[in-house]
């Protein structure tokens, strides 16, 4: 590790969230894991999902081996300014479809989906019955 580590602002680190440019924050340290993306046993999706946040809990929950922890040293690029890291990530709920208080149109469609095939079947039997030669 460098004797005088570079200090990165959280917003700067969060911008590096692509397969060809991926930085992670783990235990207050910043790692450029771009060269490791193809070699990560969990796949690059796991690393990409840990970008833009403090990934310490994600890293610790997996239970990485000592060799994995030693391997991290070669990807170390500096420290993160802890005052710029958001305390909690704001939750943005997924957009909901429009609320339709009048469900009659949906009900009519379901009834028609049931009745139309029955009417066609009844018509087929009627045609067969009246056109049948005795």
Protein backbone atom coordinates (compact mmCIF):
# COMPACT_ATOMS: atom_id res chain seq x y z
CA UNK A 1 0.00 0.00 0.00
CA UNK A 2 1.10 3.55 -0.60
CA UNK A 3 2.50 5.48 2.35
CA UNK A 4 0.36 8.55 1.53
CA UNK A 5 -2.95 7.20 0.21
CA UNK A 6 -5.09 9.29 -2.10
CA UNK A 7 -8.42 10.34 -0.59
CA UNK A 8 -11.42 9.91 -2.90
CA UNK A 9 -14.81 11.58 -2.59
CA UNK A 10 -17.77 9.17 -2.54
CA UNK A 11 -19.42 10.73 -5.60
CA UNK A 12 -16.22 10.20 -7.59
CA UNK A 13 -16.01 6.54 -6.59
CA UNK A 14 -19.71 5.97 -7.34
CA UNK A 15 -19.17 7.02 -10.97
CA UNK A 16 -16.97 3.96 -11.53
CA UNK A 17 -19.81 1.45 -11.82
CA UNK A 18 -19.28 -0.32 -15.15
CA UNK A 19 -17.65 -3.58 -16.18
CA UNK A 20 -14.73 -1.76 -17.80
CA UNK A 21 -14.37 0.68 -14.88
CA UNK A 22 -15.34 -0.66 -11.45
CA UNK A 23 -14.35 0.74 -8.04
CA UNK A 24 -15.50 -0.56 -4.67
CA UNK A 25 -15.44 0.86 -1.15
CA UNK A 26 -14.65 -1.76 1.48
CA UNK A 27 -13.84 -0.80 5.07
CA UNK A 28 -13.13 2.80 4.09
CA UNK A 29 -10.65 1.81 1.38
CA UNK A 30 -11.15 2.22 -2.36
CA UNK A 31 -10.29 -0.64 -4.71
CA UNK A 32 -10.16 -0.56 -8.52
CA UNK A 33 -11.34 -4.10 -9.25
CA UNK A 34 -11.66 -3.61 -13.03
CA UNK A 35 -8.85 -6.08 -13.86
CA UNK A 36 -10.48 -8.69 -11.57
CA UNK A 37 -13.98 -8.52 -13.10
CA UNK A 38 -13.56 -11.57 -15.35
CA UNK A 39 -11.80 -13.62 -12.67
CA UNK A 40 -14.19 -13.06 -9.75
CA UNK A 41 -15.68 -16.43 -8.74
CA UNK A 42 -19.13 -14.88 -8.23
CA UNK A 43 -19.08 -13.15 -11.61
CA UNK A 44 -18.92 -9.49 -12.50
CA UNK A 45 -22.58 -8.93 -11.56
CA UNK A 46 -21.71 -9.42 -7.90
CA UNK A 47 -19.04 -6.73 -8.05
CA UNK A 48 -21.24 -4.35 -10.05
CA UNK A 49 -24.05 -4.70 -7.52
CA UNK A 50 -21.66 -3.48 -4.80
CA UNK A 51 -20.76 -0.22 -6.58
CA UNK A 52 -22.10 3.17 -5.52
CA UNK A 53 -22.23 2.26 -1.83
CA UNK A 54 -20.09 1.08 1.05
CA UNK A 55 -19.71 -2.59 0.13
CA UNK A 56 -18.16 -3.65 3.45
CA UNK A 57 -21.22 -5.62 4.59
CA UNK A 58 -21.57 -7.30 1.20
CA UNK A 59 -17.91 -8.32 1.33
CA UNK A 60 -18.00 -9.57 4.93
CA UNK A 61 -21.30 -11.47 4.55
CA UNK A 62 -19.79 -13.73 1.88
CA UNK A 63 -16.95 -14.83 4.13
CA UNK A 64 -13.95 -14.31 1.86
CA UNK A 65 -10.82 -16.38 2.43
CA UNK A 66 -7.52 -14.98 3.69
CA UNK A 67 -6.05 -15.32 0.20
CA UNK A 68 -8.91 -13.22 -1.19
CA UNK A 69 -8.20 -10.55 1.42
CA UNK A 70 -4.49 -10.62 0.54
CA UNK A 71 -5.36 -10.32 -3.15
CA UNK A 72 -7.21 -7.05 -2.46
CA UNK A 73 -3.94 -5.22 -1.78
CA UNK A 74 -2.99 -5.08 -5.45
CA UNK A 75 -6.30 -3.36 -6.30
CA UNK A 76 -6.03 -0.74 -3.51
CA UNK A 77 -6.02 2.84 -4.88
CA UNK A 78 -6.73 4.95 -1.80
CA UNK A 79 -9.13 5.86 0.98
CA UNK A 80 -12.64 7.24 0.82
CA UNK A 81 -13.52 10.52 2.55
CA UNK A 82 -15.95 9.15 5.15
CA UNK A 83 -17.72 12.51 5.47
CA UNK A 84 -18.92 12.17 1.85
CA UNK A 85 -20.33 8.64 2.23
CA UNK A 86 -24.12 8.76 2.71
CA UNK A 87 -25.22 7.26 6.01
CA UNK A 88 -28.12 5.46 4.42
CA UNK A 89 -28.97 4.89 0.81
CA UNK A 90 -32.28 6.48 -0.07
CA UNK A 91 -34.86 3.96 -1.19
CA UNK A 92 -36.61 4.80 -4.43
CA UNK A 93 -39.75 2.69 -4.81
CA UNK A 94 -40.48 1.17 -8.21
CA UNK A 95 -43.08 3.01 -10.25
CA UNK A 96 -46.58 1.59 -9.95
CA UNK A 97 -49.09 1.21 -12.73
CA UNK A 98 -52.00 3.58 -12.83
CA UNK A 99 -54.68 2.85 -10.26
CA UNK A 100 -57.96 2.03 -11.93
CA UNK A 101 -60.87 2.39 -9.47
CA UNK A 102 -63.32 1.42 -12.23
CA UNK A 103 -62.68 -2.30 -12.80
CA UNK A 104 -65.78 -2.80 -14.98
CA UNK A 105 -63.82 -2.81 -18.25
CA UNK A 106 -61.54 -5.56 -16.95
CA UNK A 107 -64.55 -7.53 -15.74
CA UNK A 108 -66.29 -7.26 -19.13
CA UNK A 109 -63.17 -8.49 -20.92
CA UNK A 110 -62.93 -11.54 -18.66
CA UNK A 111 -66.61 -12.39 -19.21
CA UNK A 112 -66.20 -12.05 -22.96
CA UNK A 113 -63.13 -14.27 -22.91
CA UNK A 114 -65.31 -16.96 -21.37
CA UNK A 115 -68.55 -16.44 -23.33
CA UNK A 116 -67.25 -15.93 -26.89
CA UNK A 117 -65.69 -19.42 -27.18
CA UNK A 118 -68.90 -20.95 -25.77
CA UNK A 119 -71.01 -19.10 -28.34
CA UNK A 120 -68.72 -20.26 -31.17
CA UNK A 121 -68.97 -23.85 -29.96
CA UNK A 122 -72.76 -23.61 -29.71
CA UNK A 123 -72.94 -22.16 -33.23
CA UNK A 124 -70.82 -25.04 -34.57
CA UNK A 125 -73.15 -27.62 -33.02
CA UNK A 126 -76.23 -25.83 -34.38
CA UNK A 127 -74.79 -25.70 -37.90
CA UNK A 128 -73.85 -29.38 -37.76
CA UNK A 129 -77.30 -30.36 -36.43
CA UNK A 130 -79.32 -28.45 -39.06
CA UNK A 131 -77.10 -29.32 -42.04
CA UNK A 132 -76.85 -33.03 -41.20
CA UNK A 133 -78.52 -35.28 -43.73
CA UNK A 134 -80.75 -37.98 -42.39
